[in-house]
N, C-alpha and C. Protein backbone atom coordinates (compact mmCIF):
# COMPACT_ATOMS: atom_id res chain seq x y z
N MET A 1 121.03 217.77 79.46
CA MET A 1 121.91 216.95 78.23
C MET A 1 122.25 215.85 79.08
N PHE A 2 122.73 215.69 80.26
CA PHE A 2 123.13 214.32 81.06
C PHE A 2 122.25 213.54 80.82
N TYR A 3 120.89 213.76 81.46
CA TYR A 3 119.84 213.01 81.39
C TYR A 3 119.43 212.33 80.31
N TYR A 4 119.55 213.16 79.14
CA TYR A 4 118.96 212.79 77.84
C TYR A 4 119.85 211.65 77.15
N GLY A 5 121.36 211.83 77.76
CA GLY A 5 122.32 211.04 77.11
C GLY A 5 122.14 209.71 78.19
N TYR A 6 121.83 209.89 79.47
CA TYR A 6 121.80 208.69 80.19
C TYR A 6 120.56 207.87 79.73
N LEU A 7 119.25 208.63 79.53
CA LEU A 7 118.25 207.71 78.84
C LEU A 7 118.74 207.20 77.82
N ALA A 8 119.31 207.99 76.76
CA ALA A 8 119.60 207.41 75.52
C ALA A 8 120.30 206.10 75.83
N ALA A 9 121.41 206.01 76.63
CA ALA A 9 122.21 204.74 76.86
C ALA A 9 121.34 203.64 77.23
N LYS A 10 120.44 203.98 78.30
CA LYS A 10 119.45 203.01 78.76
C LYS A 10 118.65 202.41 77.94
N ALA A 11 118.25 203.17 76.44
CA ALA A 11 117.44 202.72 75.63
C ALA A 11 118.16 202.11 74.64
N GLY A 12 119.43 201.93 74.70
CA GLY A 12 120.52 201.21 73.51
C GLY A 12 120.54 202.06 72.49
N ILE A 13 120.49 203.36 72.66
CA ILE A 13 120.78 204.39 71.51
C ILE A 13 122.40 204.70 71.76
N ARG A 14 123.19 204.24 70.89
CA ARG A 14 124.55 204.40 70.94
C ARG A 14 125.20 205.85 70.23
N VAL A 15 124.58 206.24 69.21
CA VAL A 15 124.84 207.44 68.82
C VAL A 15 123.73 208.45 68.83
N ILE A 16 124.14 209.76 69.05
CA ILE A 16 123.07 210.85 69.29
C ILE A 16 123.31 211.78 68.33
N ASP A 17 122.22 211.99 67.51
CA ASP A 17 122.39 213.05 66.54
C ASP A 17 121.78 214.28 67.15
N VAL A 18 122.72 215.18 67.38
CA VAL A 18 122.38 216.36 67.83
C VAL A 18 121.28 217.11 67.20
N SER A 19 121.16 216.90 65.84
CA SER A 19 120.15 217.73 65.19
C SER A 19 118.68 217.41 65.31
N GLN A 20 118.73 216.10 65.99
CA GLN A 20 117.50 215.50 66.32
C GLN A 20 116.90 215.69 67.82
N ILE A 21 118.00 216.22 68.67
CA ILE A 21 117.33 216.54 70.19
C ILE A 21 116.29 217.09 70.53
N ASP A 22 115.93 218.11 69.72
CA ASP A 22 114.94 218.92 70.19
C ASP A 22 113.44 218.22 69.62
N GLY A 23 113.83 217.87 68.48
CA GLY A 23 112.43 216.84 67.95
C GLY A 23 112.05 215.63 68.97
N ASN A 24 113.20 215.03 69.45
CA ASN A 24 112.95 214.26 70.34
C ASN A 24 112.39 214.37 71.64
N VAL A 25 112.94 215.51 72.18
CA VAL A 25 112.41 215.77 73.50
C VAL A 25 110.95 216.15 73.41
N ARG A 26 110.64 216.84 72.26
CA ARG A 26 109.26 217.21 71.90
C ARG A 26 108.41 216.10 71.93
N LYS A 27 108.74 215.00 71.28
CA LYS A 27 108.31 213.45 71.21
C LYS A 27 107.97 212.97 72.73
N VAL A 28 109.05 213.18 73.54
CA VAL A 28 109.00 212.54 74.86
C VAL A 28 107.97 213.25 75.41
N MET A 29 107.92 214.78 75.53
CA MET A 29 107.05 215.63 76.11
C MET A 29 105.56 215.17 75.60
N ASP A 30 105.30 215.07 74.38
CA ASP A 30 103.93 214.71 73.76
C ASP A 30 103.57 213.23 74.54
N ARG A 31 104.35 212.28 74.52
CA ARG A 31 104.03 210.94 75.16
C ARG A 31 103.61 211.30 76.55
N CYS A 32 104.61 212.09 77.48
CA CYS A 32 103.99 212.31 78.68
C CYS A 32 102.88 212.94 78.99
N ALA A 33 102.39 213.92 78.03
CA ALA A 33 101.29 214.50 78.18
C ALA A 33 99.86 213.54 77.72
N ALA A 34 100.21 212.74 76.84
CA ALA A 34 99.32 211.68 76.43
C ALA A 34 99.15 210.50 77.65
N ALA A 35 100.19 210.56 78.49
CA ALA A 35 100.07 209.25 79.23
C ALA A 35 100.68 209.70 80.46
N PRO A 36 100.12 210.70 81.52
CA PRO A 36 100.62 211.20 82.70
C PRO A 36 101.02 210.34 83.70
N ASN A 37 100.75 208.95 83.67
CA ASN A 37 101.15 208.03 84.65
C ASN A 37 102.43 207.26 84.45
N ILE A 38 102.96 207.35 83.28
CA ILE A 38 104.18 206.83 82.98
C ILE A 38 105.32 207.55 83.54
N THR A 39 106.57 207.09 83.55
CA THR A 39 107.71 207.65 84.10
C THR A 39 108.25 208.23 82.83
N VAL A 40 109.19 209.12 83.01
CA VAL A 40 109.98 209.89 82.02
C VAL A 40 110.85 208.84 81.39
N PRO A 41 111.61 207.89 81.94
CA PRO A 41 112.16 206.78 81.14
C PRO A 41 111.47 205.95 80.13
N GLN A 42 110.18 205.48 80.82
CA GLN A 42 109.21 204.77 79.89
C GLN A 42 108.78 205.59 78.67
N ALA A 43 108.45 206.92 79.06
CA ALA A 43 108.12 207.94 77.72
C ALA A 43 109.27 208.08 76.68
N PHE A 44 110.29 208.16 77.29
CA PHE A 44 111.57 207.96 76.33
C PHE A 44 111.56 206.95 75.55
N ARG A 45 111.44 205.85 75.96
CA ARG A 45 111.63 204.68 75.27
C ARG A 45 110.63 204.44 74.26
N GLN A 46 109.10 204.56 74.60
CA GLN A 46 107.99 204.73 73.83
C GLN A 46 108.18 205.56 72.72
N ALA A 47 108.49 206.90 73.11
CA ALA A 47 108.46 207.91 72.11
C ALA A 47 109.56 207.44 70.90
N LEU A 48 110.72 207.06 71.30
CA LEU A 48 111.55 206.68 70.43
C LEU A 48 111.76 205.36 69.91
N GLY A 49 110.36 204.68 70.21
CA GLY A 49 110.56 203.33 69.50
C GLY A 49 111.55 202.29 70.24
N ARG A 50 111.75 202.50 71.57
CA ARG A 50 112.92 201.62 72.19
C ARG A 50 112.09 200.57 73.04
N GLY A 51 110.97 200.43 72.98
CA GLY A 51 110.15 199.53 73.89
C GLY A 51 108.93 199.85 74.23
C-alpha cells in the first residue's frame, strides 16, 4: 500500500479511491506483462493514463 501511494503521488494522483485499487493494480500488472522491459513506475503511469 505504501508503494501504491508513493507511485500515485509521483504520478500526480492526489486522491486515491480505495474501491479502484484492485482494478488499478491489475492494469499495472497487465501493462508490465505487455511490456516487460519497462519499470514499475513507468507501467503505473502508462496504465493509469499519467504519462
